[in-house]
PDB file of N, CA and C in Angstrom:
ATOM      1  N   GLN A   1      31.503  -4.832  88.355  1.00  0.00           N
ATOM      2  CA  GLN A   1      30.317  -4.436  89.107  1.00  0.00           C
ATOM      3  C   GLN A   1      29.131  -5.289  88.660  1.00  0.00           C
ATOM      4  N   MET A   2      28.324  -5.652  89.623  1.00  0.00           N
ATOM      5  CA  MET A   2      27.179  -6.511  89.356  1.00  0.00           C
ATOM      6  C   MET A   2      26.090  -5.719  88.633  1.00  0.00           C
ATOM      7  N   CYS A   3      25.476  -6.347  87.630  1.00  0.00           N
ATOM      8  CA  CYS A   3      24.418  -5.640  86.904  1.00  0.00           C
ATOM      9  C   CYS A   3      23.143  -5.595  87.748  1.00  0.00           C
ATOM     10  N   ILE A   4      22.242  -4.719  87.388  1.00  0.00           N
ATOM     11  CA  ILE A   4      21.014  -4.501  88.159  1.00  0.00           C
ATOM     12  C   ILE A   4      20.202  -5.776  88.267  1.00  0.00           C
ATOM     13  N   ARG A   5      20.075  -6.544  87.182  1.00  0.00           N
ATOM     14  CA  ARG A   5      19.294  -7.780  87.201  1.00  0.00           C
ATOM     15  C   ARG A   5      19.856  -8.769  88.222  1.00  0.00           C
ATOM     16  N   ASP A   6      21.186  -8.916  88.267  1.00  0.00           N
ATOM     17  CA  ASP A   6      21.818  -9.829  89.216  1.00  0.00           C
ATOM     18  C   ASP A   6      21.585  -9.378  90.651  1.00  0.00           C
ATOM     19  N   ARG A   7      21.697  -8.078  90.896  1.00  0.00           N
ATOM     20  CA  ARG A   7      21.445  -7.557  92.248  1.00  0.00           C
ATOM     21  C   ARG A   7      20.001  -7.824  92.645  1.00  0.00           C
ATOM     22  N   TYR A   8      19.070  -7.605  91.719  1.00  0.00           N
ATOM     23  CA  TYR A   8      17.658  -7.851  91.994  1.00  0.00           C
ATOM     24  C   TYR A   8      17.433  -9.328  92.318  1.00  0.00           C
ATOM     25  N   GLN A   9      18.016 -10.213  91.522  1.00  0.00           N
ATOM     26  CA  GLN A   9      17.829 -11.645  91.748  1.00  0.00           C
ATOM     27  C   GLN A   9      18.399 -12.089  93.093  1.00  0.00           C
ATOM     28  N   ARG A  10      19.521 -11.521  93.513  1.00  0.00           N
ATOM     29  CA  ARG A  10      20.092 -11.855  94.824  1.00  0.00           C
ATOM     30  C   ARG A  10      19.143 -11.439  95.935  1.00  0.00           C
ATOM     31  N   ARG A  11      18.545 -10.288  95.811  1.00  0.00           N
ATOM     32  CA  ARG A  11      17.617  -9.812  96.841  1.00  0.00           C
ATOM     33  C   ARG A  11      16.354 -10.661  96.876  1.00  0.00           C
ATOM     34  N   VAL A  12      15.875 -11.074  95.717  1.00  0.00           N
ATOM     35  CA  VAL A  12      14.700 -11.953  95.665  1.00  0.00           C
ATOM     36  C   VAL A  12      15.028 -13.296  96.314  1.00  0.00           C
ATOM     37  N   ARG A  13      16.209 -13.845  96.060  1.00  0.00           N
ATOM     38  CA  ARG A  13      16.607 -15.115  96.697  1.00  0.00           C
ATOM     39  C   ARG A  13      16.657 -14.970  98.212  1.00  0.00           C
ATOM     40  N   ARG A  14      17.180 -13.863  98.688  1.00  0.00           N
ATOM     41  CA  ARG A  14      17.216 -13.631 100.138  1.00  0.00           C
ATOM     42  C   ARG A  14      15.795 -13.562 100.702  1.00  0.00           C
ATOM     43  N   ALA A  15      14.915 -12.854 100.013  1.00  0.00           N
ATOM     44  CA  ALA A  15      13.526 -12.739 100.459  1.00  0.00           C
ATOM     45  C   ALA A  15      12.852 -14.109 100.465  1.00  0.00           C
ATOM     46  N   LYS A  16      13.096 -14.917  99.447  1.00  0.00           N
ATOM     47  CA  LYS A  16      12.492 -16.254  99.394  1.00  0.00           C
ATOM     48  C   LYS A  16      12.989 -17.131 100.537  1.00  0.00           C
ATOM     49  N   THR A  17      14.253 -16.999 100.889  1.00  0.00           N
ATOM     50  CA  THR A  17      14.791 -17.762 102.023  1.00  0.00           C
ATOM     51  C   THR A  17      14.052 -17.391 103.303  1.00  0.00           C
ATOM     52  N   ILE A  18      13.877 -16.110 103.531  1.00  0.00           N
ATOM     53  CA  ILE A  18      13.154 -15.644 104.713  1.00  0.00           C
ATOM     54  C   ILE A  18      11.701 -16.127 104.662  1.00  0.00           C
ATOM     55  N   TYR A  19      11.079 -16.001 103.517  1.00  0.00           N
ATOM     56  CA  TYR A  19       9.688 -16.414 103.340  1.00  0.00           C
ATOM     57  C   TYR A  19       9.516 -17.895 103.668  1.00  0.00           C
ATOM     58  N   PHE A  20      10.344 -18.746 103.073  1.00  0.00           N
ATOM     59  CA  PHE A  20      10.181 -20.177 103.298  1.00  0.00           C
ATOM     60  C   PHE A  20      10.529 -20.579 104.732  1.00  0.00           C
ATOM     61  N   ASN A  21      11.468 -19.904 105.349  1.00  0.00           N
ATOM     62  CA  ASN A  21      11.733 -20.151 106.772  1.00  0.00           C
ATOM     63  C   ASN A  21      10.475 -19.879 107.591  1.00  0.00           C
ATOM     64  N   ASN A  22       9.796 -18.775 107.293  1.00  0.00           N
ATOM     65  CA  ASN A  22       8.571 -18.426 108.013  1.00  0.00           C
ATOM     66  C   ASN A  22       7.452 -19.414 107.725  1.00  0.00           C
ATOM     67  N   VAL A  23       7.257 -19.760 106.459  1.00  0.00           N
ATOM     68  CA  VAL A  23       6.192 -20.684 106.065  1.00  0.00           C
ATOM     69  C   VAL A  23       6.403 -22.055 106.713  1.00  0.00           C
ATOM     70  N   LEU A  24       7.640 -22.491 106.796  1.00  0.00           N
ATOM     71  CA  LEU A  24       7.953 -23.793 107.377  1.00  0.00           C
ATOM     72  C   LEU A  24       8.029 -23.754 108.905  1.00  0.00           C
ATOM     73  N   GLY A  25       7.876 -22.576 109.467  1.00  0.00           N
ATOM     74  CA  GLY A  25       7.895 -22.445 110.919  1.00  0.00           C
ATOM     75  C   GLY A  25       9.285 -22.550 111.528  1.00  0.00           C
ATOM     76  N   ILE A  26      10.285 -22.324 110.736  1.00  0.00           N
ATOM     77  CA  ILE A  26      11.659 -22.371 111.242  1.00  0.00           C
ATOM     78  C   ILE A  26      11.896 -21.101 112.060  1.00  0.00           C
ATOM     79  N   GLN A  27      12.257 -21.284 113.297  1.00  0.00           N
ATOM     80  CA  GLN A  27      12.466 -20.157 114.207  1.00  0.00           C
ATOM     81  C   GLN A  27      13.920 -19.705 114.146  1.00  0.00           C
ATOM     82  N   SER A  28      14.263 -18.953 113.126  1.00  0.00           N
ATOM     83  CA  SER A  28      15.630 -18.461 112.991  1.00  0.00           C
ATOM     84  C   SER A  28      15.607 -17.074 112.381  1.00  0.00           C
ATOM     85  N   GLY A  29      16.703 -16.407 112.525  1.00  0.00           N
ATOM     86  CA  GLY A  29      16.845 -15.092 111.936  1.00  0.00           C
ATOM     87  C   GLY A  29      17.625 -15.184 110.637  1.00  0.00           C
ATOM     88  N   ALA A  30      17.806 -14.061 110.014  1.00  0.00           N
ATOM     89  CA  ALA A  30      18.580 -14.004 108.777  1.00  0.00           C
ATOM     90  C   ALA A  30      19.563 -12.848 108.881  1.00  0.00           C
ATOM     91  N   ILE A  31      20.785 -13.108 108.505  1.00  0.00           N
ATOM     92  CA  ILE A  31      21.798 -12.062 108.462  1.00  0.00           C
ATOM     93  C   ILE A  31      22.124 -11.804 106.999  1.00  0.00           C
ATOM     94  N   ILE A  32      22.013 -10.558 106.609  1.00  0.00           N
ATOM     95  CA  ILE A  32      22.346 -10.169 105.239  1.00  0.00           C
ATOM     96  C   ILE A  32      23.510  -9.193 105.337  1.00  0.00           C
ATOM     97  N   ALA A  33      24.656  -9.612 104.856  1.00  0.00           N
ATOM     98  CA  ALA A  33      25.859  -8.774 104.923  1.00  0.00           C
ATOM     99  C   ALA A  33      25.815  -7.726 103.818  1.00  0.00           C
ATOM    100  N   CYS A  34      25.987  -6.498 104.211  1.00  0.00           N
ATOM    101  CA  CYS A  34      25.957  -5.375 103.267  1.00  0.00           C
ATOM    102  C   CYS A  34      27.222  -4.545 103.458  1.00  0.00           C
ATOM    103  N   PRO A  35      28.231  -4.781 102.654  1.00  0.00           N
ATOM    104  CA  PRO A  35      29.467  -4.011 102.820  1.00  0.00           C
ATOM    105  C   PRO A  35      29.304  -2.562 102.358  1.00  0.00           C
ATOM    106  N   ILE A  36      30.250  -1.750 102.766  1.00  0.00           N
ATOM    107  CA  ILE A  36      30.301  -0.376 102.270  1.00  0.00           C
ATOM    108  C   ILE A  36      30.604  -0.459 100.770  1.00  0.00           C
ATOM    109  N   PRO A  37      29.862   0.259  99.951  1.00  0.00           N
ATOM    110  CA  PRO A  37      30.187   0.254  98.519  1.00  0.00           C
ATOM    111  C   PRO A  37      31.660   0.637  98.321  1.00  0.00           C
ATOM    112  N   ALA A  38      32.348  -0.090  97.474  1.00  0.00           N
ATOM    113  CA  ALA A  38      33.795   0.069  97.291  1.00  0.00           C
ATOM    114  C   ALA A  38      34.212   1.516  97.038  1.00  0.00           C
ATOM    115  N   GLU A  39      33.399   2.240  96.290  1.00  0.00           N
ATOM    116  CA  GLU A  39      33.777   3.618  95.954  1.00  0.00           C
ATOM    117  C   GLU A  39      33.695   4.559  97.161  1.00  0.00           C
ATOM    118  N   HIS A  40      33.085   4.093  98.259  1.00  0.00           N
ATOM    119  CA  HIS A  40      32.959   4.921  99.460  1.00  0.00           C
ATOM    120  C   HIS A  40      33.728   4.362 100.654  1.00  0.00           C
ATOM    121  N   ALA A  41      34.413   3.269 100.440  1.00  0.00           N
ATOM    122  CA  ALA A  41      35.148   2.642 101.540  1.00  0.00           C
ATOM    123  C   ALA A  41      36.385   3.463 101.893  1.00  0.00           C
ATOM    124  N   ALA A  42      36.650   3.543 103.177  1.00  0.00           N
ATOM    125  CA  ALA A  42      37.844   4.242 103.641  1.00  0.00           C
ATOM    126  C   ALA A  42      39.054   3.322 103.450  1.00  0.00           C
ATOM    127  N   GLU A  43      40.224   3.896 103.456  1.00  0.00           N
ATOM    128  CA  GLU A  43      41.453   3.118 103.311  1.00  0.00           C
ATOM    129  C   GLU A  43      41.594   2.184 104.521  1.00  0.00           C
ATOM    130  N   ALA A  44      41.639   0.895 104.263  1.00  0.00           N
ATOM    131  CA  ALA A  44      41.641  -0.117 105.321  1.00  0.00           C
ATOM    132  C   ALA A  44      42.777   0.071 106.321  1.00  0.00           C
ATOM    133  N   LYS A  45      43.978   0.319 105.824  1.00  0.00           N
ATOM    134  CA  LYS A  45      45.132   0.468 106.716  1.00  0.00           C
ATOM    135  C   LYS A  45      44.946   1.663 107.651  1.00  0.00           C
ATOM    136  N   LYS A  46      44.459   2.752 107.112  1.00  0.00           N
ATOM    137  CA  LYS A  46      44.242   3.972 107.915  1.00  0.00           C
ATOM    138  C   LYS A  46      43.184   3.712 108.996  1.00  0.00           C
ATOM    139  N   ILE A  47      42.120   3.031 108.632  1.00  0.00           N
ATOM    140  CA  ILE A  47      41.054   2.724 109.593  1.00  0.00           C
ATOM    141  C   ILE A  47      41.567   1.776 110.666  1.00  0.00           C
ATOM    142  N   GLU A  48      42.280   0.742 110.271  1.00  0.00           N
ATOM    143  CA  GLU A  48      42.806  -0.238 111.240  1.00  0.00           C
ATOM    144  C   GLU A  48      43.764   0.430 112.226  1.00  0.00           C
ATOM    145  N   GLU A  49      44.624   1.286 111.733  1.00  0.00           N
ATOM    146  CA  GLU A  49      45.543   2.011 112.624  1.00  0.00           C
ATOM    147  C   GLU A  49      44.770   2.878 113.615  1.00  0.00           C
ATOM    148  N   ALA A  50      43.742   3.556 113.133  1.00  0.00           N
ATOM    149  CA  ALA A  50      42.931   4.413 114.003  1.00  0.00           C
ATOM    150  C   ALA A  50      42.209   3.575 115.056  1.00  0.00           C
ATOM    151  N   ILE A  51      41.702   2.427 114.659  1.00  0.00           N
ATOM    152  CA  ILE A  51      41.016   1.539 115.608  1.00  0.00           C
ATOM    153  C   ILE A  51      41.977   1.094 116.705  1.00  0.00           C
ATOM    154  N   GLN A  52      43.171   0.687 116.311  1.00  0.00           N
ATOM    155  CA  GLN A  52      44.146   0.217 117.303  1.00  0.00           C
ATOM    156  C   GLN A  52      44.546   1.331 118.275  1.00  0.00           C
ATOM    157  N   ILE A  53      44.740   2.529 117.763  1.00  0.00           N
ATOM    158  CA  ILE A  53      45.076   3.665 118.631  1.00  0.00           C
ATOM    159  C   ILE A  53      43.915   3.951 119.590  1.00  0.00           C
ATOM    160  N   ALA A  54      42.696   3.989 119.051  1.00  0.00           N
ATOM    161  CA  ALA A  54      41.524   4.291 119.875  1.00  0.00           C
ATOM    162  C   ALA A  54      41.302   3.225 120.943  1.00  0.00           C
ATOM    163  N   LEU A  55      41.505   1.953 120.595  1.00  0.00           N
ATOM    164  CA  LEU A  55      41.356   0.877 121.581  1.00  0.00           C
ATOM    165  C   LEU A  55      42.395   1.003 122.695  1.00  0.00           C
ATOM    166  N   ARG A  56      43.617   1.328 122.307  1.00  0.00           N
ATOM    167  CA  ARG A  56      44.668   1.508 123.309  1.00  0.00           C
ATOM    168  C   ARG A  56      44.313   2.657 124.253  1.00  0.00           C
ATOM    169  N   GLU A  57      43.870   3.773 123.683  1.00  0.00           N
ATOM    170  CA  GLU A  57      43.497   4.938 124.489  1.00  0.00           C
ATOM    171  C   GLU A  57      42.287   4.623 125.377  1.00  0.00           C
ATOM    172  N   LEU A  58      41.376   3.838 124.877  1.00  0.00           N
ATOM    173  CA  LEU A  58      40.208   3.428 125.655  1.00  0.00           C
ATOM    174  C   LEU A  58      40.646   2.742 126.945  1.00  0.00           C
ATOM    175  N   GLY A  59      41.582   1.800 126.797  1.00  0.00           N
ATOM    176  CA  GLY A  59      42.107   1.097 127.964  1.00  0.00           C
ATOM    177  C   GLY A  59      42.874   2.010 128.899  1.00  0.00           C
ATOM    178  N   GLU A  60      43.696   2.872 128.317  1.00  0.00           N
ATOM    179  CA  GLU A  60      44.497   3.797 129.121  1.00  0.00           C
ATOM    180  C   GLU A  60      43.625   4.751 129.935  1.00  0.00           C
ATOM    181  N   LYS A  61      42.514   5.168 129.351  1.00  0.00           N
ATOM    182  CA  LYS A  61      41.626   6.116 130.029  1.00  0.00           C
ATOM    183  C   LYS A  61      40.627   5.402 130.943  1.00  0.00           C
ATOM    184  N   GLY A  62      40.581   4.065 130.862  1.00  0.00           N
ATOM    185  CA  GLY A  62      39.667   3.301 131.710  1.00  0.00           C
ATOM    186  C   GLY A  62      38.200   3.485 131.347  1.00  0.00           C
ATOM    187  N   ILE A  63      37.931   3.804 130.101  1.00  0.00           N
ATOM    188  CA  ILE A  63      36.550   4.006 129.654  1.00  0.00           C
ATOM    189  C   ILE A  63      35.886   2.646 129.502  1.00  0.00           C
ATOM    190  N   LYS A  64      34.671   2.517 130.056  1.00  0.00           N
ATOM    191  CA  LYS A  64      33.949   1.238 130.019  1.00  0.00           C
ATOM    192  C   LYS A  64      32.458   1.493 129.844  1.00  0.00           C
ATOM    193  N   GLY A  65      31.746   0.410 129.618  1.00  0.00           N
ATOM    194  CA  GLY A  65      30.285   0.467 129.565  1.00  0.00           C
ATOM    195  C   GLY A  65      29.749   1.292 128.419  1.00  0.00           C
ATOM    196  N   LYS A  66      28.689   2.032 128.721  1.00  0.00           N
ATOM    197  CA  LYS A  66      27.978   2.772 127.675  1.00  0.00           C
ATOM    198  C   LYS A  66      28.796   3.901 127.057  1.00  0.00           C
ATOM    199  N   GLU A  67      29.913   4.254 127.655  1.00  0.00           N
ATOM    200  CA  GLU A  67      30.769   5.318 127.111  1.00  0.00           C
ATOM    201  C   GLU A  67      31.730   4.795 126.042  1.00  0.00           C
ATOM    202  N   THR A  68      31.844   3.464 125.934  1.00  0.00           N
ATOM    203  CA  THR A  68      32.812   2.852 125.022  1.00  0.00           C
ATOM    204  C   THR A  68      32.563   3.220 123.562  1.00  0.00           C
ATOM    205  N   THR A  69      31.366   2.924 123.057  1.00  0.00           N
ATOM    206  CA  THR A  69      31.076   3.150 121.636  1.00  0.00           C
ATOM    207  C   THR A  69      31.187   4.621 121.249  1.00  0.00           C
ATOM    208  N   PRO A  70      30.573   5.545 121.994  1.00  0.00           N
ATOM    209  CA  PRO A  70      30.727   6.962 121.600  1.00  0.00           C
ATOM    210  C   PRO A  70      32.193   7.407 121.570  1.00  0.00           C
ATOM    211  N   PHE A  71      32.978   6.946 122.545  1.00  0.00           N
ATOM    212  CA  PHE A  71      34.393   7.319 122.561  1.00  0.00           C
ATOM    213  C   PHE A  71      35.101   6.784 121.323  1.00  0.00           C
ATOM    214  N   LEU A  72      34.914   5.485 121.039  1.00  0.00           N
ATOM    215  CA  LEU A  72      35.600   4.872 119.894  1.00  0.00           C
ATOM    216  C   LEU A  72      35.214   5.548 118.580  1.00  0.00           C
ATOM    217  N   LEU A  73      33.922   5.745 118.363  1.00  0.00           N
ATOM    218  CA  LEU A  73      33.489   6.367 117.105  1.00  0.00           C
ATOM    219  C   LEU A  73      34.047   7.784 116.953  1.00  0.00           C
ATOM    220  N   ALA A  74      33.989   8.557 118.011  1.00  0.00           N
ATOM    221  CA  ALA A  74      34.496   9.928 117.948  1.00  0.00           C
ATOM    222  C   ALA A  74      36.004   9.951 117.725  1.00  0.00           C
ATOM    223  N   ARG A  75      36.715   9.094 118.432  1.00  0.00           N
ATOM    224  CA  ARG A  75      38.182   9.093 118.324  1.00  0.00           C
ATOM    225  C   ARG A  75      38.631   8.590 116.949  1.00  0.00           C
ATOM    226  N   ILE A  76      37.994   7.545 116.459  1.00  0.00           N
ATOM    227  CA  ILE A  76      38.345   7.025 115.122  1.00  0.00           C
ATOM    228  C   ILE A  76      38.021   8.070 114.064  1.00  0.00           C
ATOM    229  N   ASN A  77      36.913   8.759 114.208  1.00  0.00           N
ATOM    230  CA  ASN A  77      36.559   9.834 113.280  1.00  0.00           C
ATOM    231  C   ASN A  77      37.624  10.931 113.300  1.00  0.00           C
ATOM    232  N   GLN A  78      38.067  11.282 114.487  1.00  0.00           N
ATOM    233  CA  GLN A  78      39.097  12.315 114.633  1.00  0.00           C
ATOM    234  C   GLN A  78      40.407  11.863 113.992  1.00  0.00           C
ATOM    235  N   LEU A  79      40.804  10.635 114.265  1.00  0.00           N
ATOM    236  CA  LEU A  79      42.079  10.123 113.751  1.00  0.00           C
ATOM    237  C   LEU A  79      42.083   9.966 112.227  1.00  0.00           C
ATOM    238  N   THR A  80      40.916   9.739 111.628  1.00  0.00           N
ATOM    239  CA  THR A  80      40.834   9.563 110.167  1.00  0.00           C
ATOM    240  C   THR A  80      40.398  10.840 109.458  1.00  0.00           C
ATOM    241  N   GLN A  81      40.384  11.949 110.186  1.00  0.00           N
ATOM    242  CA  GLN A  81      39.952  13.236 109.628  1.00  0.00           C
ATOM    243  C   GLN A  81      38.575  13.135 108.954  1.00  0.00           C
ATOM    244  N   GLY A  82      37.664  12.410 109.574  1.00  0.00           N
ATOM    245  CA  GLY A  82      36.292  12.311 109.078  1.00  0.00           C
ATOM    246  C   GLY A  82      36.042  11.216 108.064  1.00  0.00           C
ATOM    247  N   GLU A  83      37.094  10.542 107.616  1.00  0.00           N
ATOM    248  CA  GLU A  83      36.932   9.506 106.592  1.00  0.00           C
ATOM    249  C   GLU A  83      36.062   8.349 107.082  1.00  0.00           C
ATOM    250  N   SER A  84      36.238   7.943 108.342  1.00  0.00           N
ATOM    251  CA  SER A  84      35.448   6.828 108.877  1.00  0.00           C
ATOM    252  C   SER A  84      33.965   7.199 108.959  1.00  0.00           C
ATOM    253  N   LEU A  85      33.656   8.414 109.341  1.00  0.00           N
ATOM    254  CA  LEU A  85      32.264   8.849 109.431  1.00  0.00           C
ATOM    255  C   LEU A  85      31.608   8.844 108.057  1.00  0.00           C
ATOM    256  N   LYS A  86      32.310   9.371 107.065  1.00  0.00           N
ATOM    257  CA  LYS A  86      31.757   9.377 105.701  1.00  0.00           C
ATOM    258  C   LYS A  86      31.473   7.958 105.230  1.00  0.00           C
ATOM    259  N   SER A  87      32.399   7.036 105.481  1.00  0.00           N
ATOM    260  CA  SER A  87      32.198   5.639 105.083  1.00  0.00           C
ATOM    261  C   SER A  87      31.013   5.020 105.825  1.00  0.00           C
ATOM    262  N   ASN A  88      30.904   5.309 107.116  1.00  0.00           N
ATOM    263  CA  ASN A  88      29.790   4.759 107.892  1.00  0.00           C
ATOM    264  C   ASN A  88      28.442   5.294 107.420  1.00  0.00           C
ATOM    265  N   ILE A  89      28.397   6.541 107.013  1.00  0.00           N
ATOM    266  CA  ILE A  89      27.152   7.099 106.479  1.00  0.00           C
ATOM    267  C   ILE A  89      26.760   6.370 105.200  1.00  0.00           C
ATOM    268  N   HIS A  90      27.721   6.110 104.325  1.00  0.00           N
ATOM    269  CA  HIS A  90      27.431   5.363 103.096  1.00  0.00           C
ATOM    270  C   HIS A  90      27.003   3.933 103.421  1.00  0.00           C
ATOM    271  N   LEU A  91      27.590   3.347 104.455  1.00  0.00           N
ATOM    272  CA  LEU A  91      27.202   1.997 104.874  1.00  0.00           C
ATOM    273  C   LEU A  91      25.743   1.979 105.331  1.00  0.00           C
ATOM    274  N   VAL A  92      25.349   2.944 106.141  1.00  0.00           N
ATOM    275  CA  VAL A  92      23.966   3.009 106.622  1.00  0.00           C
ATOM    276  C   VAL A  92      23.002   3.181 105.453  1.00  0.00           C
ATOM    277  N   LYS A  93      23.338   4.056 104.524  1.00  0.00           N
ATOM    278  CA  LYS A  93      22.471   4.269 103.355  1.00  0.00           C
ATOM    279  C   LYS A  93      22.366   3.000 102.512  1.00  0.00           C
ATOM    280  N   ASN A  94      23.482   2.288 102.328  1.00  0.00           N
ATOM    281  CA  ASN A  94      23.474   1.051 101.556  1.00  0.00           C
ATOM    282  C   ASN A  94      22.639  -0.013 102.268  1.00  0.00           C
ATOM    283  N   ASN A  95      22.797  -0.120 103.587  1.00  0.00           N
ATOM    284  CA  ASN A  95      22.001  -1.083 104.356  1.00  0.00           C
ATOM    285  C   ASN A  95      20.513  -0.798 104.212  1.00  0.00           C
ATOM    286  N   ALA A  96      20.145   0.479 104.270  1.00  0.00           N
ATOM    287  CA  ALA A  96      18.734   0.853 104.143  1.00  0.00           C
ATOM    288  C   ALA A  96      18.197   0.494 102.760  1.00  0.00           C
ATOM    289  N   ALA A  97      18.982   0.752 101.725  1.00  0.00           N
ATOM    290  CA  ALA A  97      18.543   0.446 100.359  1.00  0.00           C
ATOM    291  C   ALA A  97      18.367  -1.060 100.164  1.00  0.00           C
ATOM    292  N   ILE A  98      19.336  -1.831 100.624  1.00  0.00           N
ATOM    293  CA  ILE A  98      19.242  -3.288 100.465  1.00  0.00           C
ATOM    294  C   ILE A  98      18.124  -3.843 101.332  1.00  0.00           C
ATOM    295  N   GLY A  99      18.008  -3.367 102.564  1.00  0.00           N
ATOM    296  CA  GLY A  99      16.934  -3.825 103.441  1.00  0.00           C
ATOM    297  C   GLY A  99      15.560  -3.534 102.864  1.00  0.00           C
ATOM    298  N   THR A 100      15.409  -2.352 102.275  1.00  0.00           N
ATOM    299  CA  THR A 100      14.143  -1.985 101.649  1.00  0.00           C
ATOM    300  C   THR A 100      13.838  -2.898 100.471  1.00  0.00           C
ATOM    301  N   ALA A 101      14.838  -3.161  99.641  1.00  0.00           N
ATOM    302  CA  ALA A 101      14.637  -4.021  98.475  1.00  0.00           C
ATOM    303  C   ALA A 101      14.254  -5.439  98.893  1.00  0.00           C
ATOM    304  N   VAL A 102      14.901  -5.953  99.929  1.00  0.00           N
ATOM    305  CA  VAL A 102      14.567  -7.303 100.410  1.00  0.00           C
ATOM    306  C   VAL A 102      13.158  -7.303 101.006  1.00  0.00           C
ATOM    307  N   ALA A 103      12.801  -6.253 101.737  1.00  0.00           N
ATOM    308  CA  ALA A 103      11.463  -6.170 102.332  1.00  0.00           C
ATOM    309  C   ALA A 103      10.379  -6.133 101.253  1.00  0.00           C
ATOM    310  N   VAL A 104      10.607  -5.391 100.189  1.00  0.00           N
ATOM    311  CA  VAL A 104       9.646  -5.340  99.087  1.00  0.00           C
ATOM    312  C   VAL A 104       9.530  -6.713  98.433  1.00  0.00           C
ATOM    313  N   ALA A 105      10.661  -7.363  98.200  1.00  0.00           N
ATOM    314  CA  ALA A 105      10.641  -8.698  97.598  1.00  0.00           C
ATOM    315  C   ALA A 105       9.930  -9.693  98.516  1.00  0.00           C
ATOM    316  N   LEU A 106      10.130  -9.575  99.832  1.00  0.00           N
ATOM    317  CA  LEU A 106       9.464 -10.458 100.783  1.00  0.00           C
ATOM    318  C   LEU A 106       7.965 -10.200 100.776  1.00  0.00           C
ATOM    319  N   ALA A 107       7.558  -8.947 100.740  1.00  0.00           N
ATOM    320  CA  ALA A 107       6.122  -8.624 100.655  1.00  0.00           C
ATOM    321  C   ALA A 107       5.510  -9.227  99.394  1.00  0.00           C
ATOM    322  N   ASN A 108       6.239  -9.201  98.291  1.00  0.00           N
ATOM    323  CA  ASN A 108       5.760  -9.802  97.052  1.00  0.00           C
ATOM    324  C   ASN A 108       5.632 -11.311  97.167  1.00  0.00           C
ATOM    325  N   CYS A 109       6.533 -11.949  97.946  1.00  0.00           N
ATOM    326  CA  CYS A 109       6.430 -13.400  98.183  1.00  0.00           C
ATOM    327  C   CYS A 109       5.122 -13.713  98.898  1.00  0.00           C
ATOM    328  N   TYR A 110       4.810 -12.934  99.924  1.00  0.00           N
ATOM    329  CA  TYR A 110       3.560 -13.170 100.667  1.00  0.00           C
ATOM    330  C   TYR A 110       2.342 -12.861  99.803  1.00  0.00           C
ATOM    331  N   LYS A 111       2.448 -11.817  98.995  1.00  0.00           N
ATOM    332  CA  LYS A 111       1.342 -11.418  98.135  1.00  0.00           C
ATOM    333  C   LYS A 111       1.028 -12.514  97.111  1.00  0.00           C
ATOM    334  N   SER A 112       2.070 -13.090  96.524  1.00  0.00           N
ATOM    335  CA  SER A 112       1.863 -14.124  95.502  1.00  0.00           C
ATOM    336  C   SER A 112       1.747 -15.517  96.093  1.00  0.00           C
ATOM    337  N   LYS A 113       2.026 -15.655  97.380  1.00  0.00           N
ATOM    338  CA  LYS A 113       1.999 -16.941  98.104  1.00  0.00           C
ATOM    339  C   LYS A 113       2.787 -18.024  97.398  1.00  0.00           C
ATOM    340  N   LEU A 114       3.827 -17.619  96.737  1.00  0.00           N
ATOM    341  CA  LEU A 114       4.714 -18.538  96.027  1.00  0.00           C
ATOM    342  C   LEU A 114       4.052 -19.859  95.881  1.00  0.00           C
TER     343      LEU A 114
END
């Protein structure tokens, strides 16, 4: 597991990348990948099987458009007995924590004007 100092330094590097892109006028976005913390991840095989079943049922039922995502999420949740939902909740919380940390580091970049 990564120590707190290393995690902090990674977030500061991400913030500096965003900061310098903005300062240099580079018109691009930034993608920061935030996986589900390992201790909260659902069993990959179980999730993949549920996804494949739900996708097959989606096609069989002819579900399309805006009904697709709600159907898939509900069906995968049902097939995994709630395991996928629990993992997704931890993913959202982790994304919020990392996003907040990067935002604070970015605000500090602007404050100090590197």
